[in-house]
Amino acid sequence: MIHCHTNIETINASKYLQQLCKHFRHKVTVQYDATFGRVEFPGGLCLMTANQNVLSFYCKAQKPEGVGMMQSVLDQHLVKFAWREDLNVTWQDGLPDPLPVNPNLEEIG
């Protein structure tokens, strides 16, 4: 399994999480609320979390192409939705150690 993650500082974390999930649900299976999102992309799974000032993405896929596709799709759509902000999205291989305490993130490991 291949993993990657990123943390994006923004005061609009929940807003962007919900916008992304609403948009993606037209094509893929999505579950979300104000602080957590689960998106089943064709190439892999992405879990999202939002707190007051950080939007986080945790992705896993069977193949490197799946991770690359998710990173590209998330980057492109986030730029569109957050055009008023200059967000810094830096993807990291693997998952953070330790993984943040959140029961929703258990399936990503």
N, C-alpha and C. Protein backbone atom coordinates (compact mmCIF):
# COMPACT_ATOMS: atom_id res chain seq x y z
N MET A 1 0.85 -1.17 0.00
CA MET A 1 0.00 0.00 0.00
C MET A 1 0.90 1.24 0.00
N ILE A 2 0.52 2.23 -0.77
CA ILE A 2 1.27 3.48 -0.87
C ILE A 2 0.46 4.58 -0.20
N HIS A 3 1.12 5.37 0.65
CA HIS A 3 0.45 6.43 1.40
C HIS A 3 1.12 7.78 1.13
N CYS A 4 0.34 8.85 1.30
CA CYS A 4 0.88 10.21 1.31
C CYS A 4 -0.06 11.07 2.13
N HIS A 5 0.43 12.24 2.52
CA HIS A 5 -0.40 13.15 3.29
C HIS A 5 0.10 14.58 3.12
N THR A 6 -0.77 15.52 3.49
CA THR A 6 -0.40 16.92 3.51
C THR A 6 -1.26 17.65 4.53
N ASN A 7 -0.72 18.72 5.09
CA ASN A 7 -1.44 19.61 6.00
C ASN A 7 -1.37 21.01 5.41
N ILE A 8 -2.52 21.64 5.25
CA ILE A 8 -2.61 22.95 4.62
C ILE A 8 -3.18 23.94 5.62
N GLU A 9 -2.42 24.96 5.92
CA GLU A 9 -2.89 25.98 6.86
C GLU A 9 -3.86 26.92 6.17
N THR A 10 -5.07 27.00 6.73
CA THR A 10 -6.11 27.89 6.23
C THR A 10 -7.19 28.04 7.28
N ILE A 11 -7.72 29.23 7.42
CA ILE A 11 -8.83 29.43 8.35
C ILE A 11 -10.15 28.90 7.77
N ASN A 12 -10.11 28.50 6.51
CA ASN A 12 -11.30 27.99 5.83
C ASN A 12 -11.26 26.47 5.64
N ALA A 13 -10.60 25.77 6.53
CA ALA A 13 -10.41 24.32 6.37
C ALA A 13 -11.74 23.57 6.21
N SER A 14 -12.69 23.81 7.08
CA SER A 14 -13.97 23.12 7.02
C SER A 14 -14.72 23.49 5.74
N LYS A 15 -14.70 24.73 5.38
CA LYS A 15 -15.37 25.19 4.16
C LYS A 15 -14.83 24.45 2.94
N TYR A 16 -13.51 24.37 2.82
CA TYR A 16 -12.91 23.72 1.67
C TYR A 16 -13.15 22.21 1.67
N LEU A 17 -13.08 21.59 2.84
CA LEU A 17 -13.37 20.16 2.95
C LEU A 17 -14.77 19.88 2.41
N GLN A 18 -15.74 20.66 2.84
CA GLN A 18 -17.12 20.45 2.42
C GLN A 18 -17.32 20.75 0.93
N GLN A 19 -16.68 21.79 0.43
CA GLN A 19 -16.77 22.11 -1.00
C GLN A 19 -16.20 20.98 -1.85
N LEU A 20 -15.04 20.49 -1.47
CA LEU A 20 -14.41 19.41 -2.21
C LEU A 20 -15.30 18.17 -2.21
N CYS A 21 -15.80 17.81 -1.05
CA CYS A 21 -16.63 16.60 -0.95
C CYS A 21 -17.93 16.75 -1.73
N LYS A 22 -18.58 17.91 -1.65
CA LYS A 22 -19.80 18.13 -2.42
C LYS A 22 -19.52 18.00 -3.91
N HIS A 23 -18.40 18.53 -4.34
CA HIS A 23 -18.04 18.47 -5.76
C HIS A 23 -17.75 17.03 -6.19
N PHE A 24 -16.96 16.32 -5.41
CA PHE A 24 -16.56 14.96 -5.78
C PHE A 24 -17.72 13.97 -5.74
N ARG A 25 -18.74 14.23 -4.91
CA ARG A 25 -19.83 13.26 -4.76
C ARG A 25 -20.65 13.08 -6.04
N HIS A 26 -20.47 13.97 -7.00
CA HIS A 26 -21.17 13.81 -8.28
C HIS A 26 -20.58 12.68 -9.12
N LYS A 27 -19.36 12.26 -8.80
CA LYS A 27 -18.70 11.23 -9.61
C LYS A 27 -18.22 10.01 -8.82
N VAL A 28 -17.98 10.18 -7.52
CA VAL A 28 -17.45 9.07 -6.72
C VAL A 28 -18.20 9.01 -5.39
N THR A 29 -17.97 7.93 -4.65
CA THR A 29 -18.61 7.76 -3.34
C THR A 29 -17.91 8.65 -2.31
N VAL A 30 -18.72 9.43 -1.61
CA VAL A 30 -18.21 10.40 -0.64
C VAL A 30 -19.06 10.38 0.62
N GLN A 31 -18.42 10.50 1.76
CA GLN A 31 -19.09 10.71 3.05
C GLN A 31 -18.38 11.88 3.70
N TYR A 32 -19.13 12.78 4.32
CA TYR A 32 -18.47 13.92 4.95
C TYR A 32 -19.38 14.63 5.94
N ASP A 33 -18.74 15.40 6.80
CA ASP A 33 -19.42 16.36 7.66
C ASP A 33 -18.49 17.58 7.73
N ALA A 34 -18.65 18.42 8.72
CA ALA A 34 -17.87 19.66 8.78
C ALA A 34 -16.39 19.44 9.10
N THR A 35 -16.04 18.29 9.68
CA THR A 35 -14.65 18.09 10.10
C THR A 35 -13.98 16.86 9.51
N PHE A 36 -14.73 16.03 8.78
CA PHE A 36 -14.16 14.80 8.23
C PHE A 36 -14.77 14.49 6.88
N GLY A 37 -13.91 14.02 5.95
CA GLY A 37 -14.40 13.59 4.64
C GLY A 37 -13.73 12.29 4.23
N ARG A 38 -14.48 11.48 3.50
CA ARG A 38 -13.98 10.20 2.98
C ARG A 38 -14.36 10.13 1.52
N VAL A 39 -13.36 10.08 0.64
CA VAL A 39 -13.59 10.09 -0.80
C VAL A 39 -12.96 8.85 -1.41
N GLU A 40 -13.78 8.05 -2.10
CA GLU A 40 -13.30 6.83 -2.75
C GLU A 40 -13.03 7.14 -4.22
N PHE A 41 -11.81 7.57 -4.52
CA PHE A 41 -11.41 7.83 -5.89
C PHE A 41 -11.19 6.50 -6.60
N PRO A 42 -11.26 6.47 -7.95
CA PRO A 42 -10.99 5.22 -8.66
C PRO A 42 -9.61 4.64 -8.35
N GLY A 43 -8.63 5.50 -8.08
CA GLY A 43 -7.27 5.03 -7.83
C GLY A 43 -6.91 4.81 -6.38
N GLY A 44 -7.79 5.17 -5.45
CA GLY A 44 -7.46 5.01 -4.05
C GLY A 44 -8.44 5.74 -3.13
N LEU A 45 -8.09 5.79 -1.88
CA LEU A 45 -8.93 6.39 -0.84
C LEU A 45 -8.27 7.63 -0.27
N CYS A 46 -9.06 8.69 -0.08
CA CYS A 46 -8.57 9.90 0.57
C CYS A 46 -9.46 10.23 1.76
N LEU A 47 -8.84 10.39 2.91
CA LEU A 47 -9.54 10.86 4.10
C LEU A 47 -9.09 12.28 4.35
N MET A 48 -10.03 13.14 4.73
CA MET A 48 -9.75 14.55 4.98
C MET A 48 -10.20 14.92 6.38
N THR A 49 -9.42 15.78 7.02
CA THR A 49 -9.84 16.32 8.31
C THR A 49 -9.67 17.84 8.28
N ALA A 50 -10.51 18.51 9.05
CA ALA A 50 -10.44 19.96 9.15
C ALA A 50 -10.58 20.36 10.61
N ASN A 51 -9.70 21.26 11.03
CA ASN A 51 -9.87 21.86 12.34
C ASN A 51 -9.88 23.37 12.13
N GLN A 52 -9.69 24.16 13.16
CA GLN A 52 -9.81 25.61 13.03
C GLN A 52 -8.91 26.21 11.97
N ASN A 53 -7.71 25.67 11.81
CA ASN A 53 -6.79 26.32 10.86
C ASN A 53 -5.97 25.35 10.01
N VAL A 54 -6.34 24.07 9.96
CA VAL A 54 -5.58 23.11 9.14
C VAL A 54 -6.53 22.15 8.43
N LEU A 55 -6.34 22.04 7.12
CA LEU A 55 -7.02 21.04 6.30
C LEU A 55 -5.98 19.97 5.98
N SER A 56 -6.29 18.72 6.30
CA SER A 56 -5.35 17.62 6.09
C SER A 56 -5.94 16.58 5.16
N PHE A 57 -5.08 16.04 4.28
CA PHE A 57 -5.45 14.96 3.39
C PHE A 57 -4.55 13.76 3.69
N TYR A 58 -5.15 12.59 3.80
CA TYR A 58 -4.43 11.33 4.00
C TYR A 58 -4.89 10.38 2.90
N CYS A 59 -3.98 9.96 2.05
CA CYS A 59 -4.33 9.15 0.88
C CYS A 59 -3.62 7.81 0.91
N LYS A 60 -4.31 6.80 0.35
CA LYS A 60 -3.67 5.50 0.16
C LYS A 60 -4.15 4.90 -1.15
N ALA A 61 -3.25 4.16 -1.79
CA ALA A 61 -3.56 3.52 -3.06
C ALA A 61 -2.72 2.26 -3.21
N GLN A 62 -3.14 1.39 -4.09
CA GLN A 62 -2.39 0.18 -4.38
C GLN A 62 -1.19 0.47 -5.27
N LYS A 63 -1.33 1.48 -6.16
CA LYS A 63 -0.29 1.78 -7.14
C LYS A 63 0.13 3.24 -7.05
N PRO A 64 1.36 3.56 -7.42
CA PRO A 64 1.82 4.95 -7.40
C PRO A 64 0.94 5.88 -8.24
N GLU A 65 0.40 5.36 -9.35
CA GLU A 65 -0.45 6.18 -10.21
C GLU A 65 -1.69 6.66 -9.46
N GLY A 66 -2.21 5.83 -8.57
CA GLY A 66 -3.40 6.19 -7.80
C GLY A 66 -3.12 7.36 -6.87
N VAL A 67 -1.97 7.32 -6.21
CA VAL A 67 -1.58 8.43 -5.32
C VAL A 67 -1.37 9.70 -6.14
N GLY A 68 -0.67 9.57 -7.26
CA GLY A 68 -0.43 10.73 -8.12
C GLY A 68 -1.71 11.35 -8.63
N MET A 69 -2.68 10.53 -9.01
CA MET A 69 -3.96 11.02 -9.49
C MET A 69 -4.69 11.79 -8.39
N MET A 70 -4.71 11.23 -7.19
CA MET A 70 -5.41 11.91 -6.09
C MET A 70 -4.73 13.24 -5.77
N GLN A 71 -3.41 13.25 -5.70
CA GLN A 71 -2.70 14.50 -5.43
C GLN A 71 -3.04 15.56 -6.48
N SER A 72 -3.04 15.18 -7.72
CA SER A 72 -3.32 16.11 -8.81
C SER A 72 -4.75 16.65 -8.73
N VAL A 73 -5.71 15.75 -8.55
CA VAL A 73 -7.12 16.16 -8.47
C VAL A 73 -7.35 17.07 -7.27
N LEU A 74 -6.82 16.70 -6.12
CA LEU A 74 -7.00 17.51 -4.92
C LEU A 74 -6.34 18.88 -5.08
N ASP A 75 -5.12 18.91 -5.60
CA ASP A 75 -4.42 20.18 -5.82
C ASP A 75 -5.21 21.09 -6.75
N GLN A 76 -5.64 20.57 -7.89
CA GLN A 76 -6.35 21.37 -8.88
C GLN A 76 -7.65 21.94 -8.33
N HIS A 77 -8.42 21.10 -7.66
CA HIS A 77 -9.71 21.56 -7.15
C HIS A 77 -9.55 22.51 -5.97
N LEU A 78 -8.59 22.26 -5.12
CA LEU A 78 -8.37 23.16 -3.99
C LEU A 78 -7.97 24.55 -4.47
N VAL A 79 -7.13 24.62 -5.49
CA VAL A 79 -6.73 25.92 -6.06
C VAL A 79 -7.95 26.67 -6.58
N LYS A 80 -8.87 25.96 -7.22
CA LYS A 80 -10.09 26.60 -7.74
C LYS A 80 -10.96 27.14 -6.62
N PHE A 81 -11.17 26.33 -5.58
CA PHE A 81 -12.05 26.73 -4.49
C PHE A 81 -11.42 27.77 -3.57
N ALA A 82 -10.11 27.77 -3.48
CA ALA A 82 -9.40 28.67 -2.56
C ALA A 82 -8.66 29.77 -3.31
N TRP A 83 -9.21 30.25 -4.40
CA TRP A 83 -8.51 31.21 -5.25
C TRP A 83 -8.19 32.52 -4.53
N ARG A 84 -8.88 32.80 -3.44
CA ARG A 84 -8.60 34.04 -2.69
C ARG A 84 -7.38 33.92 -1.79
N GLU A 85 -6.92 32.69 -1.59
CA GLU A 85 -5.80 32.44 -0.70
C GLU A 85 -4.60 31.91 -1.47
N ASP A 86 -3.45 32.14 -0.92
CA ASP A 86 -2.21 31.57 -1.48
C ASP A 86 -1.83 30.40 -0.58
N LEU A 87 -2.41 29.22 -0.86
CA LEU A 87 -2.19 28.06 -0.01
C LEU A 87 -0.91 27.34 -0.38
N ASN A 88 -0.27 26.79 0.63
CA ASN A 88 0.95 26.00 0.43
C ASN A 88 0.60 24.53 0.61
N VAL A 89 0.63 23.78 -0.49
CA VAL A 89 0.33 22.34 -0.45
C VAL A 89 1.63 21.59 -0.72
N THR A 90 2.14 20.93 0.30
CA THR A 90 3.37 20.16 0.17
C THR A 90 3.06 18.72 0.58
N TRP A 91 3.05 17.85 -0.42
CA TRP A 91 2.77 16.44 -0.16
C TRP A 91 3.99 15.74 0.42
N GLN A 92 3.72 14.83 1.35
CA GLN A 92 4.78 14.03 1.95
C GLN A 92 4.44 12.55 1.76
N ASP A 93 5.45 11.76 1.48
CA ASP A 93 5.25 10.32 1.35
C ASP A 93 4.95 9.73 2.72
N GLY A 94 4.18 8.66 2.73
CA GLY A 94 3.86 7.98 3.97
C GLY A 94 2.79 8.71 4.76
N LEU A 95 2.60 8.25 5.98
CA LEU A 95 1.66 8.87 6.91
C LEU A 95 2.42 9.44 8.09
N PRO A 96 1.88 10.46 8.74
CA PRO A 96 2.58 11.00 9.91
C PRO A 96 2.66 9.94 11.01
N ASP A 97 3.74 9.99 11.77
CA ASP A 97 3.92 9.05 12.86
C ASP A 97 4.16 9.84 14.14
N PRO A 98 3.22 9.84 15.04
CA PRO A 98 2.00 9.04 15.03
C PRO A 98 0.91 9.70 14.19
N LEU A 99 -0.02 8.89 13.74
CA LEU A 99 -1.20 9.38 13.04
C LEU A 99 -2.05 10.16 14.05
N PRO A 100 -2.61 11.30 13.65
CA PRO A 100 -3.44 12.06 14.61
C PRO A 100 -4.53 11.17 15.22
N VAL A 101 -4.85 11.41 16.47
CA VAL A 101 -5.88 10.65 17.15
C VAL A 101 -7.23 11.06 16.57
N ASN A 102 -7.82 10.15 15.81
CA ASN A 102 -9.12 10.39 15.18
C ASN A 102 -9.62 9.02 14.74
N PRO A 103 -10.73 8.56 15.31
CA PRO A 103 -11.22 7.22 14.96
C PRO A 103 -11.53 7.10 13.47
N ASN A 104 -11.82 8.18 12.79
CA ASN A 104 -12.11 8.14 11.36
C ASN A 104 -10.88 7.79 10.52
N LEU A 105 -9.69 8.01 11.06
CA LEU A 105 -8.46 7.78 10.31
C LEU A 105 -7.95 6.36 10.41
N GLU A 106 -8.59 5.53 11.21
CA GLU A 106 -8.10 4.17 11.44
C GLU A 106 -7.96 3.36 10.15
N GLU A 107 -8.84 3.55 9.19
CA GLU A 107 -8.80 2.72 7.98
C GLU A 107 -7.72 3.15 6.99
N ILE A 108 -7.06 4.25 7.22
CA ILE A 108 -6.05 4.71 6.27
C ILE A 108 -4.70 4.00 6.48
N GLY A 109 -4.47 3.53 7.67
CA GLY A 109 -3.18 2.90 8.00
C GLY A 109 -2.95 1.56 7.41
